[in-house]
């Protein structure tokens, strides 16, 4: 699964000036561990955008280093120019990936 981080123009938030892409299959154990620390699966009921947005806001202190590991080369300044909706999309993809991986490990795969 490909995840994309869109960097928007500082003045025109609707204009994407740069994109960082990563594949979930390339995640290190450290990234998976960080995802599990940021995403509170125990309190997640629906996995909808609102729940994910709340988790992203709660994890704000961990977010920059995590995004830097996930998207090599992204800077602090660029992260400041990412729209919240894009962060939710990235984390929604991580939720899907983590759920698939956990299902694979536990034998709960659904075809």
PDB file of N, CA and C in Angstrom:
ATOM      1  N   UNK A   1       0.841  -1.175   0.000  1.00  0.00           N
ATOM      2  CA  UNK A   1       0.000   0.000   0.000  1.00  0.00           C
ATOM      3  C   UNK A   1       0.889   1.243   0.000  1.00  0.00           C
ATOM      4  N   UNK A   2       0.601   2.150  -0.884  1.00  0.00           N
ATOM      5  CA  UNK A   2       1.367   3.382  -0.971  1.00  0.00           C
ATOM      6  C   UNK A   2       0.723   4.462  -0.108  1.00  0.00           C
ATOM      7  N   UNK A   3       1.555   5.150   0.667  1.00  0.00           N
ATOM      8  CA  UNK A   3       1.106   6.294   1.458  1.00  0.00           C
ATOM      9  C   UNK A   3       1.769   7.541   0.891  1.00  0.00           C
ATOM     10  N   UNK A   4       1.004   8.626   0.814  1.00  0.00           N
ATOM     11  CA  UNK A   4       1.506   9.868   0.231  1.00  0.00           C
ATOM     12  C   UNK A   4       1.325  11.008   1.227  1.00  0.00           C
ATOM     13  N   UNK A   5       2.396  11.765   1.440  1.00  0.00           N
ATOM     14  CA  UNK A   5       2.361  12.954   2.283  1.00  0.00           C
ATOM     15  C   UNK A   5       2.480  14.158   1.358  1.00  0.00           C
ATOM     16  N   UNK A   6       1.431  14.962   1.307  1.00  0.00           N
ATOM     17  CA  UNK A   6       1.404  16.143   0.440  1.00  0.00           C
ATOM     18  C   UNK A   6       1.879  17.378   1.204  1.00  0.00           C
ATOM     19  N   UNK A   7       2.859  18.054   0.652  1.00  0.00           N
ATOM     20  CA  UNK A   7       3.358  19.295   1.240  1.00  0.00           C
ATOM     21  C   UNK A   7       2.706  20.448   0.481  1.00  0.00           C
ATOM     22  N   UNK A   8       1.987  21.280   1.208  1.00  0.00           N
ATOM     23  CA  UNK A   8       1.258  22.383   0.577  1.00  0.00           C
ATOM     24  C   UNK A   8       2.062  23.679   0.635  1.00  0.00           C
ATOM     25  N   UNK A   9       1.744  24.564  -0.272  1.00  0.00           N
ATOM     26  CA  UNK A   9       2.338  25.896  -0.310  1.00  0.00           C
ATOM     27  C   UNK A   9       1.965  26.635   0.977  1.00  0.00           C
ATOM     28  N   UNK A  10       2.900  27.388   1.539  1.00  0.00           N
ATOM     29  CA  UNK A  10       2.637  28.104   2.793  1.00  0.00           C
ATOM     30  C   UNK A  10       1.496  29.110   2.672  1.00  0.00           C
ATOM     31  N   UNK A  11       1.384  29.727   1.517  1.00  0.00           N
ATOM     32  CA  UNK A  11       0.366  30.763   1.338  1.00  0.00           C
ATOM     33  C   UNK A  11      -0.917  30.236   0.714  1.00  0.00           C
ATOM     34  N   UNK A  12      -0.785  29.249  -0.157  1.00  0.00           N
ATOM     35  CA  UNK A  12      -1.951  28.677  -0.830  1.00  0.00           C
ATOM     36  C   UNK A  12      -2.067  27.216  -0.406  1.00  0.00           C
ATOM     37  N   UNK A  13      -2.848  26.973   0.627  1.00  0.00           N
ATOM     38  CA  UNK A  13      -2.953  25.629   1.217  1.00  0.00           C
ATOM     39  C   UNK A  13      -3.561  24.602   0.266  1.00  0.00           C
ATOM     40  N   UNK A  14      -4.173  25.039  -0.805  1.00  0.00           N
ATOM     41  CA  UNK A  14      -4.763  24.116  -1.777  1.00  0.00           C
ATOM     42  C   UNK A  14      -3.762  23.686  -2.854  1.00  0.00           C
ATOM     43  N   UNK A  15      -2.581  24.306  -2.843  1.00  0.00           N
ATOM     44  CA  UNK A  15      -1.568  24.005  -3.855  1.00  0.00           C
ATOM     45  C   UNK A  15      -0.510  23.064  -3.268  1.00  0.00           C
ATOM     46  N   UNK A  16      -0.407  21.877  -3.841  1.00  0.00           N
ATOM     47  CA  UNK A  16       0.591  20.907  -3.401  1.00  0.00           C
ATOM     48  C   UNK A  16       1.898  21.204  -4.131  1.00  0.00           C
ATOM     49  N   UNK A  17       2.969  21.430  -3.355  1.00  0.00           N
ATOM     50  CA  UNK A  17       4.258  21.781  -3.950  1.00  0.00           C
ATOM     51  C   UNK A  17       5.243  20.611  -3.966  1.00  0.00           C
ATOM     52  N   UNK A  18       4.960  19.589  -3.158  1.00  0.00           N
ATOM     53  CA  UNK A  18       5.859  18.443  -3.091  1.00  0.00           C
ATOM     54  C   UNK A  18       5.101  17.248  -2.526  1.00  0.00           C
ATOM     55  N   UNK A  19       5.496  16.051  -2.953  1.00  0.00           N
ATOM     56  CA  UNK A  19       4.886  14.822  -2.433  1.00  0.00           C
ATOM     57  C   UNK A  19       5.980  13.864  -1.991  1.00  0.00           C
ATOM     58  N   UNK A  20       5.761  13.249  -0.849  1.00  0.00           N
ATOM     59  CA  UNK A  20       6.613  12.164  -0.377  1.00  0.00           C
ATOM     60  C   UNK A  20       5.783  10.896  -0.431  1.00  0.00           C
ATOM     61  N   UNK A  21       6.397   9.823  -0.919  1.00  0.00           N
ATOM     62  CA  UNK A  21       5.687   8.551  -1.026  1.00  0.00           C
ATOM     63  C   UNK A  21       6.467   7.466  -0.301  1.00  0.00           C
ATOM     64  N   UNK A  22       5.721   6.521   0.259  1.00  0.00           N
ATOM     65  CA  UNK A  22       6.337   5.369   0.909  1.00  0.00           C
ATOM     66  C   UNK A  22       5.438   4.162   0.721  1.00  0.00           C
ATOM     67  N   UNK A  23       6.024   3.008   0.765  1.00  0.00           N
ATOM     68  CA  UNK A  23       5.278   1.748   0.668  1.00  0.00           C
ATOM     69  C   UNK A  23       5.245   1.099   2.037  1.00  0.00           C
ATOM     70  N   UNK A  24       4.078   0.632   2.437  1.00  0.00           N
ATOM     71  CA  UNK A  24       3.948   0.019   3.761  1.00  0.00           C
ATOM     72  C   UNK A  24       4.779  -1.242   3.896  1.00  0.00           C
ATOM     73  N   UNK A  25       5.074  -1.911   2.812  1.00  0.00           N
ATOM     74  CA  UNK A  25       5.876  -3.130   2.909  1.00  0.00           C
ATOM     75  C   UNK A  25       7.310  -2.845   3.327  1.00  0.00           C
ATOM     76  N   UNK A  26       7.733  -1.601   3.290  1.00  0.00           N
ATOM     77  CA  UNK A  26       9.092  -1.225   3.655  1.00  0.00           C
ATOM     78  C   UNK A  26       9.241  -0.807   5.111  1.00  0.00           C
ATOM     79  N   UNK A  27       8.204  -0.929   5.918  1.00  0.00           N
ATOM     80  CA  UNK A  27       8.262  -0.454   7.294  1.00  0.00           C
ATOM     81  C   UNK A  27       9.187  -1.311   8.147  1.00  0.00           C
ATOM     82  N   UNK A  28       9.973  -0.633   8.947  1.00  0.00           N
ATOM     83  CA  UNK A  28      10.824  -1.327   9.914  1.00  0.00           C
ATOM     84  C   UNK A  28       9.991  -1.658  11.151  1.00  0.00           C
ATOM     85  N   UNK A  29      10.523  -2.515  12.000  1.00  0.00           N
ATOM     86  CA  UNK A  29       9.832  -2.840  13.237  1.00  0.00           C
ATOM     87  C   UNK A  29       9.607  -1.584  14.072  1.00  0.00           C
ATOM     88  N   UNK A  30      10.578  -0.668  14.054  1.00  0.00           N
ATOM     89  CA  UNK A  30      10.440   0.570  14.819  1.00  0.00           C
ATOM     90  C   UNK A  30       9.239   1.394  14.380  1.00  0.00           C
ATOM     91  N   UNK A  31       8.986   1.446  13.077  1.00  0.00           N
ATOM     92  CA  UNK A  31       7.823   2.188  12.576  1.00  0.00           C
ATOM     93  C   UNK A  31       6.535   1.510  13.033  1.00  0.00           C
ATOM     94  N   UNK A  32       6.495   0.185  12.930  1.00  0.00           N
ATOM     95  CA  UNK A  32       5.300  -0.547  13.369  1.00  0.00           C
ATOM     96  C   UNK A  32       5.067  -0.311  14.861  1.00  0.00           C
ATOM     97  N   UNK A  33       6.147  -0.335  15.636  1.00  0.00           N
ATOM     98  CA  UNK A  33       6.041  -0.086  17.069  1.00  0.00           C
ATOM     99  C   UNK A  33       5.492   1.319  17.335  1.00  0.00           C
ATOM    100  N   UNK A  34       5.980   2.311  16.592  1.00  0.00           N
ATOM    101  CA  UNK A  34       5.489   3.685  16.739  1.00  0.00           C
ATOM    102  C   UNK A  34       4.013   3.789  16.384  1.00  0.00           C
ATOM    103  N   UNK A  35       3.604   3.111  15.314  1.00  0.00           N
ATOM    104  CA  UNK A  35       2.183   3.125  14.917  1.00  0.00           C
ATOM    105  C   UNK A  35       1.332   2.584  16.058  1.00  0.00           C
ATOM    106  N   UNK A  36       1.771   1.485  16.639  1.00  0.00           N
ATOM    107  CA  UNK A  36       1.000   0.885  17.730  1.00  0.00           C
ATOM    108  C   UNK A  36       0.956   1.797  18.952  1.00  0.00           C
ATOM    109  N   UNK A  37       2.012   2.587  19.165  1.00  0.00           N
ATOM    110  CA  UNK A  37       2.014   3.539  20.281  1.00  0.00           C
ATOM    111  C   UNK A  37       1.121   4.738  20.008  1.00  0.00           C
ATOM    112  N   UNK A  38       1.045   5.168  18.760  1.00  0.00           N
ATOM    113  CA  UNK A  38       0.252   6.346  18.407  1.00  0.00           C
ATOM    114  C   UNK A  38      -1.230   5.994  18.273  1.00  0.00           C
ATOM    115  N   UNK A  39      -1.509   4.886  17.601  1.00  0.00           N
ATOM    116  CA  UNK A  39      -2.892   4.500  17.355  1.00  0.00           C
ATOM    117  C   UNK A  39      -3.388   3.606  18.485  1.00  0.00           C
ATOM    118  N   UNK A  40      -4.343   4.093  19.229  1.00  0.00           N
ATOM    119  CA  UNK A  40      -4.883   3.373  20.373  1.00  0.00           C
ATOM    120  C   UNK A  40      -6.010   2.459  19.892  1.00  0.00           C
ATOM    121  N   UNK A  41      -5.635   1.259  19.464  1.00  0.00           N
ATOM    122  CA  UNK A  41      -6.613   0.324  18.913  1.00  0.00           C
ATOM    123  C   UNK A  41      -7.666  -0.089  19.938  1.00  0.00           C
ATOM    124  N   UNK A  42      -7.298  -0.096  21.214  1.00  0.00           N
ATOM    125  CA  UNK A  42      -8.253  -0.501  22.240  1.00  0.00           C
ATOM    126  C   UNK A  42      -9.434   0.454  22.341  1.00  0.00           C
ATOM    127  N   UNK A  43      -9.186   1.734  22.125  1.00  0.00           N
ATOM    128  CA  UNK A  43     -10.279   2.707  22.237  1.00  0.00           C
ATOM    129  C   UNK A  43     -10.955   2.987  20.891  1.00  0.00           C
ATOM    130  N   UNK A  44     -10.389   2.433  19.813  1.00  0.00           N
ATOM    131  CA  UNK A  44     -10.951   2.662  18.485  1.00  0.00           C
ATOM    132  C   UNK A  44     -12.211   1.822  18.297  1.00  0.00           C
ATOM    133  N   UNK A  45     -13.297   2.489  17.968  1.00  0.00           N
ATOM    134  CA  UNK A  45     -14.563   1.778  17.773  1.00  0.00           C
ATOM    135  C   UNK A  45     -14.872   1.582  16.296  1.00  0.00           C
ATOM    136  N   UNK A  46     -14.747   2.649  15.518  1.00  0.00           N
ATOM    137  CA  UNK A  46     -15.131   2.565  14.102  1.00  0.00           C
ATOM    138  C   UNK A  46     -13.959   2.764  13.156  1.00  0.00           C
ATOM    139  N   UNK A  47     -12.894   3.408  13.626  1.00  0.00           N
ATOM    140  CA  UNK A  47     -11.765   3.714  12.750  1.00  0.00           C
ATOM    141  C   UNK A  47     -12.091   4.807  11.750  1.00  0.00           C
ATOM    142  N   UNK A  48     -13.106   5.621  12.085  1.00  0.00           N
ATOM    143  CA  UNK A  48     -13.480   6.694  11.157  1.00  0.00           C
ATOM    144  C   UNK A  48     -12.498   7.862  11.255  1.00  0.00           C
ATOM    145  N   UNK A  49     -12.645   8.812  10.351  1.00  0.00           N
ATOM    146  CA  UNK A  49     -11.706   9.941  10.283  1.00  0.00           C
ATOM    147  C   UNK A  49     -11.636  10.722  11.584  1.00  0.00           C
ATOM    148  N   UNK A  50     -12.755  10.889  12.260  1.00  0.00           N
ATOM    149  CA  UNK A  50     -12.768  11.658  13.508  1.00  0.00           C
ATOM    150  C   UNK A  50     -11.925  10.970  14.575  1.00  0.00           C
ATOM    151  N   UNK A  51     -12.095   9.662  14.726  1.00  0.00           N
ATOM    152  CA  UNK A  51     -11.300   8.930  15.713  1.00  0.00           C
ATOM    153  C   UNK A  51      -9.812   9.011  15.395  1.00  0.00           C
ATOM    154  N   UNK A  52      -9.480   8.855  14.138  1.00  0.00           N
ATOM    155  CA  UNK A  52      -8.077   8.904  13.741  1.00  0.00           C
ATOM    156  C   UNK A  52      -7.518  10.309  13.954  1.00  0.00           C
ATOM    157  N   UNK A  53      -8.295  11.344  13.634  1.00  0.00           N
ATOM    158  CA  UNK A  53      -7.843  12.724  13.830  1.00  0.00           C
ATOM    159  C   UNK A  53      -7.557  12.990  15.308  1.00  0.00           C
ATOM    160  N   UNK A  54      -8.409  12.489  16.194  1.00  0.00           N
ATOM    161  CA  UNK A  54      -8.192  12.672  17.631  1.00  0.00           C
ATOM    162  C   UNK A  54      -6.890  12.003  18.057  1.00  0.00           C
ATOM    163  N   UNK A  55      -6.623  10.808  17.534  1.00  0.00           N
ATOM    164  CA  UNK A  55      -5.376  10.111  17.870  1.00  0.00           C
ATOM    165  C   UNK A  55      -4.160  10.864  17.344  1.00  0.00           C
ATOM    166  N   UNK A  56      -4.274  11.415  16.148  1.00  0.00           N
ATOM    167  CA  UNK A  56      -3.173  12.178  15.559  1.00  0.00           C
ATOM    168  C   UNK A  56      -2.875  13.407  16.419  1.00  0.00           C
ATOM    169  N   UNK A  57      -3.912  14.108  16.843  1.00  0.00           N
ATOM    170  CA  UNK A  57      -3.729  15.307  17.682  1.00  0.00           C
ATOM    171  C   UNK A  57      -3.103  14.921  19.018  1.00  0.00           C
ATOM    172  N   UNK A  58      -3.580  13.836  19.625  1.00  0.00           N
ATOM    173  CA  UNK A  58      -3.034  13.389  20.915  1.00  0.00           C
ATOM    174  C   UNK A  58      -1.565  12.996  20.799  1.00  0.00           C
ATOM    175  N   UNK A  59      -1.168  12.525  19.637  1.00  0.00           N
ATOM    176  CA  UNK A  59       0.205  12.055  19.433  1.00  0.00           C
ATOM    177  C   UNK A  59       1.092  13.116  18.798  1.00  0.00           C
ATOM    178  N   UNK A  60       0.681  14.368  18.843  1.00  0.00           N
ATOM    179  CA  UNK A  60       1.401  15.441  18.148  1.00  0.00           C
ATOM    180  C   UNK A  60       2.885  15.469  18.501  1.00  0.00           C
ATOM    181  N   UNK A  61       3.237  15.198  19.751  1.00  0.00           N
ATOM    182  CA  UNK A  61       4.638  15.226  20.162  1.00  0.00           C
ATOM    183  C   UNK A  61       5.483  14.162  19.485  1.00  0.00           C
ATOM    184  N   UNK A  62       4.877  13.036  19.151  1.00  0.00           N
ATOM    185  CA  UNK A  62       5.587  11.936  18.498  1.00  0.00           C
ATOM    186  C   UNK A  62       5.532  12.041  16.980  1.00  0.00           C
ATOM    187  N   UNK A  63       4.706  12.924  16.479  1.00  0.00           N
ATOM    188  CA  UNK A  63       4.387  12.931  15.063  1.00  0.00           C
ATOM    189  C   UNK A  63       5.555  13.278  14.142  1.00  0.00           C
ATOM    190  N   UNK A  64       6.298  14.344  14.433  1.00  0.00           N
ATOM    191  CA  UNK A  64       7.371  14.758  13.520  1.00  0.00           C
ATOM    192  C   UNK A  64       8.440  13.677  13.366  1.00  0.00           C
ATOM    193  N   UNK A  65       8.986  13.139  14.465  1.00  0.00           N
ATOM    194  CA  UNK A  65       9.998  12.089  14.283  1.00  0.00           C
ATOM    195  C   UNK A  65       9.427  10.870  13.549  1.00  0.00           C
ATOM    196  N   UNK A  66       8.185  10.545  13.834  1.00  0.00           N
ATOM    197  CA  UNK A  66       7.545   9.406  13.184  1.00  0.00           C
ATOM    198  C   UNK A  66       7.407   9.652  11.682  1.00  0.00           C
ATOM    199  N   UNK A  67       6.913  10.829  11.305  1.00  0.00           N
ATOM    200  CA  UNK A  67       6.753  11.148   9.881  1.00  0.00           C
ATOM    201  C   UNK A  67       8.099  11.200   9.177  1.00  0.00           C
ATOM    202  N   UNK A  68       9.129  11.657   9.873  1.00  0.00           N
ATOM    203  CA  UNK A  68      10.464  11.705   9.278  1.00  0.00           C
ATOM    204  C   UNK A  68      11.006  10.306   9.005  1.00  0.00           C
ATOM    205  N   UNK A  69      10.667   9.367   9.859  1.00  0.00           N
ATOM    206  CA  UNK A  69      11.097   7.988   9.625  1.00  0.00           C
ATOM    207  C   UNK A  69      10.266   7.348   8.519  1.00  0.00           C
ATOM    208  N   UNK A  70       9.005   7.656   8.510  1.00  0.00           N
ATOM    209  CA  UNK A  70       8.085   7.088   7.523  1.00  0.00           C
ATOM    210  C   UNK A  70       8.345   7.645   6.126  1.00  0.00           C
ATOM    211  N   UNK A  71       8.628   8.946   6.050  1.00  0.00           N
ATOM    212  CA  UNK A  71       8.878   9.632   4.774  1.00  0.00           C
ATOM    213  C   UNK A  71      10.282  10.247   4.802  1.00  0.00           C
ATOM    214  N   UNK A  72      11.309   9.466   4.516  1.00  0.00           N
ATOM    215  CA  UNK A  72      12.688   9.977   4.579  1.00  0.00           C
ATOM    216  C   UNK A  72      12.877  11.239   3.728  1.00  0.00           C
ATOM    217  N   UNK A  73      13.544  12.223   4.331  1.00  0.00           N
ATOM    218  CA  UNK A  73      13.835  13.459   3.630  1.00  0.00           C
ATOM    219  C   UNK A  73      12.897  14.604   3.975  1.00  0.00           C
ATOM    220  N   UNK A  74      11.721  14.303   4.542  1.00  0.00           N
ATOM    221  CA  UNK A  74      10.779  15.374   4.884  1.00  0.00           C
ATOM    222  C   UNK A  74      11.360  16.182   6.048  1.00  0.00           C
ATOM    223  N   UNK A  75      11.184  17.500   5.999  1.00  0.00           N
ATOM    224  CA  UNK A  75      11.728  18.394   7.026  1.00  0.00           C
ATOM    225  C   UNK A  75      10.639  18.853   7.989  1.00  0.00           C
ATOM    226  N   UNK A  76      11.062  19.396   9.125  1.00  0.00           N
ATOM    227  CA  UNK A  76      10.104  19.952  10.095  1.00  0.00           C
ATOM    228  C   UNK A  76       9.237  21.018   9.436  1.00  0.00           C
ATOM    229  N   UNK A  77       9.860  21.877   8.651  1.00  0.00           N
ATOM    230  CA  UNK A  77       9.125  22.962   7.991  1.00  0.00           C
ATOM    231  C   UNK A  77       8.088  22.416   7.020  1.00  0.00           C
ATOM    232  N   UNK A  78       8.450  21.371   6.282  1.00  0.00           N
ATOM    233  CA  UNK A  78       7.493  20.763   5.351  1.00  0.00           C
ATOM    234  C   UNK A  78       6.327  20.117   6.107  1.00  0.00           C
ATOM    235  N   UNK A  79       6.630  19.471   7.216  1.00  0.00           N
ATOM    236  CA  UNK A  79       5.568  18.844   8.004  1.00  0.00           C
ATOM    237  C   UNK A  79       4.561  19.890   8.463  1.00  0.00           C
ATOM    238  N   UNK A  80       5.029  21.088   8.763  1.00  0.00           N
ATOM    239  CA  UNK A  80       4.125  22.168   9.180  1.00  0.00           C
ATOM    240  C   UNK A  80       3.149  22.561   8.064  1.00  0.00           C
ATOM    241  N   UNK A  81       3.480  22.202   6.825  1.00  0.00           N
ATOM    242  CA  UNK A  81       2.655  22.572   5.676  1.00  0.00           C
ATOM    243  C   UNK A  81       1.762  21.418   5.190  1.00  0.00           C
ATOM    244  N   UNK A  82       1.636  20.378   5.998  1.00  0.00           N
ATOM    245  CA  UNK A  82       0.774  19.245   5.640  1.00  0.00           C
ATOM    246  C   UNK A  82      -0.622  19.509   6.200  1.00  0.00           C
ATOM    247  N   UNK A  83      -1.621  19.330   5.357  1.00  0.00           N
ATOM    248  CA  UNK A  83      -3.004  19.513   5.789  1.00  0.00           C
ATOM    249  C   UNK A  83      -3.412  18.392   6.746  1.00  0.00           C
ATOM    250  N   UNK A  84      -4.216  18.715   7.732  1.00  0.00           N
ATOM    251  CA  UNK A  84      -4.690  17.725   8.696  1.00  0.00           C
ATOM    252  C   UNK A  84      -5.414  16.578   7.981  1.00  0.00           C
ATOM    253  N   UNK A  85      -6.170  16.907   6.961  1.00  0.00           N
ATOM    254  CA  UNK A  85      -6.911  15.860   6.234  1.00  0.00           C
ATOM    255  C   UNK A  85      -5.951  14.851   5.599  1.00  0.00           C
ATOM    256  N   UNK A  86      -4.771  15.319   5.161  1.00  0.00           N
ATOM    257  CA  UNK A  86      -3.771  14.416   4.584  1.00  0.00           C
ATOM    258  C   UNK A  86      -3.169  13.522   5.668  1.00  0.00           C
ATOM    259  N   UNK A  87      -2.930  14.092   6.853  1.00  0.00           N
ATOM    260  CA  UNK A  87      -2.426  13.276   7.957  1.00  0.00           C
ATOM    261  C   UNK A  87      -3.417  12.181   8.323  1.00  0.00           C
ATOM    262  N   UNK A  88      -4.697  12.529   8.344  1.00  0.00           N
ATOM    263  CA  UNK A  88      -5.732  11.532   8.647  1.00  0.00           C
ATOM    264  C   UNK A  88      -5.711  10.428   7.588  1.00  0.00           C
ATOM    265  N   UNK A  89      -5.553  10.813   6.320  1.00  0.00           N
ATOM    266  CA  UNK A  89      -5.488   9.818   5.240  1.00  0.00           C
ATOM    267  C   UNK A  89      -4.286   8.899   5.419  1.00  0.00           C
ATOM    268  N   UNK A  90      -3.142   9.465   5.771  1.00  0.00           N
ATOM    269  CA  UNK A  90      -1.935   8.657   5.998  1.00  0.00           C
ATOM    270  C   UNK A  90      -2.180   7.687   7.151  1.00  0.00           C
ATOM    271  N   UNK A  91      -2.727   8.187   8.239  1.00  0.00           N
ATOM    272  CA  UNK A  91      -2.957   7.320   9.391  1.00  0.00           C
ATOM    273  C   UNK A  91      -4.063   6.301   9.149  1.00  0.00           C
ATOM    274  N   UNK A  92      -5.039   6.651   8.334  1.00  0.00           N
ATOM    275  CA  UNK A  92      -6.069   5.678   7.958  1.00  0.00           C
ATOM    276  C   UNK A  92      -5.398   4.518   7.206  1.00  0.00           C
ATOM    277  N   UNK A  93      -4.482   4.833   6.311  1.00  0.00           N
ATOM    278  CA  UNK A  93      -3.736   3.791   5.606  1.00  0.00           C
ATOM    279  C   UNK A  93      -2.917   2.945   6.566  1.00  0.00           C
ATOM    280  N   UNK A  94      -2.342   3.587   7.588  1.00  0.00           N
ATOM    281  CA  UNK A  94      -1.578   2.840   8.586  1.00  0.00           C
ATOM    282  C   UNK A  94      -2.476   1.927   9.411  1.00  0.00           C
ATOM    283  N   UNK A  95      -3.681   2.403   9.725  1.00  0.00           N
ATOM    284  CA  UNK A  95      -4.647   1.567  10.448  1.00  0.00           C
ATOM    285  C   UNK A  95      -4.986   0.333   9.620  1.00  0.00           C
ATOM    286  N   UNK A  96      -5.258   0.543   8.339  1.00  0.00           N
ATOM    287  CA  UNK A  96      -5.583  -0.586   7.467  1.00  0.00           C
ATOM    288  C   UNK A  96      -4.418  -1.560   7.388  1.00  0.00           C
ATOM    289  N   UNK A  97      -3.213  -1.028   7.226  1.00  0.00           N
ATOM    290  CA  UNK A  97      -2.022  -1.865   7.137  1.00  0.00           C
ATOM    291  C   UNK A  97      -1.822  -2.652   8.434  1.00  0.00           C
ATOM    292  N   UNK A  98      -1.881  -1.952   9.569  1.00  0.00           N
ATOM    293  CA  UNK A  98      -1.661  -2.600  10.863  1.00  0.00           C
ATOM    294  C   UNK A  98      -2.716  -3.671  11.115  1.00  0.00           C
ATOM    295  N   UNK A  99      -3.960  -3.384  10.764  1.00  0.00           N
ATOM    296  CA  UNK A  99      -5.038  -4.358  10.943  1.00  0.00           C
ATOM    297  C   UNK A  99      -4.789  -5.595  10.084  1.00  0.00           C
ATOM    298  N   UNK A 100      -4.401  -5.395   8.837  1.00  0.00           N
ATOM    299  CA  UNK A 100      -4.100  -6.525   7.950  1.00  0.00           C
ATOM    300  C   UNK A 100      -2.952  -7.354   8.500  1.00  0.00           C
ATOM    301  N   UNK A 101      -1.906  -6.671   8.971  1.00  0.00           N
ATOM    302  CA  UNK A 101      -0.749  -7.386   9.501  1.00  0.00           C
ATOM    303  C   UNK A 101      -1.106  -8.168  10.759  1.00  0.00           C
ATOM    304  N   UNK A 102      -1.882  -7.556  11.652  1.00  0.00           N
ATOM    305  CA  UNK A 102      -2.298  -8.247  12.869  1.00  0.00           C
ATOM    306  C   UNK A 102      -3.180  -9.446  12.533  1.00  0.00           C
ATOM    307  N   UNK A 103      -4.068  -9.286  11.556  1.00  0.00           N
ATOM    308  CA  UNK A 103      -4.927 -10.399  11.136  1.00  0.00           C
ATOM    309  C   UNK A 103      -4.092 -11.524  10.546  1.00  0.00           C
ATOM    310  N   UNK A 104      -3.071 -11.185   9.793  1.00  0.00           N
ATOM    311  CA  UNK A 104      -2.184 -12.188   9.209  1.00  0.00           C
ATOM    312  C   UNK A 104      -1.468 -12.959  10.316  1.00  0.00           C
ATOM    313  N   UNK A 105      -0.972 -12.221  11.307  1.00  0.00           N
ATOM    314  CA  UNK A 105      -0.237 -12.857  12.401  1.00  0.00           C
ATOM    315  C   UNK A 105      -1.125 -13.743  13.260  1.00  0.00           C
ATOM    316  N   UNK A 106      -2.389 -13.351  13.399  1.00  0.00           N
ATOM    317  CA  UNK A 106      -3.293 -14.113  14.257  1.00  0.00           C
ATOM    318  C   UNK A 106      -4.120 -15.143  13.490  1.00  0.00           C
ATOM    319  N   UNK A 107      -3.953 -15.166  12.177  1.00  0.00           N
ATOM    320  CA  UNK A 107      -4.684 -16.133  11.366  1.00  0.00           C
ATOM    321  C   UNK A 107      -6.113 -15.743  11.066  1.00  0.00           C
ATOM    322  N   UNK A 108      -6.432 -14.461  11.246  1.00  0.00           N
ATOM    323  CA  UNK A 108      -7.784 -13.972  10.969  1.00  0.00           C
ATOM    324  C   UNK A 108      -7.926 -13.345   9.612  1.00  0.00           C
ATOM    325  N   UNK A 109      -7.097 -13.740   8.643  1.00  0.00           N
ATOM    326  CA  UNK A 109      -7.157 -13.166   7.306  1.00  0.00           C
ATOM    327  C   UNK A 109      -8.504 -13.458   6.665  1.00  0.00           C
ATOM    328  N   UNK A 110      -9.050 -12.441   6.028  1.00  0.00           N
ATOM    329  CA  UNK A 110     -10.302 -12.604   5.279  1.00  0.00           C
ATOM    330  C   UNK A 110      -9.996 -12.335   3.826  1.00  0.00           C
ATOM    331  N   UNK A 111     -10.362 -13.223   2.946  1.00  0.00           N
ATOM    332  CA  UNK A 111     -10.090 -13.056   1.502  1.00  0.00           C
ATOM    333  C   UNK A 111     -11.234 -12.379   0.828  1.00  0.00           C
TER     334      UNK A 111
END
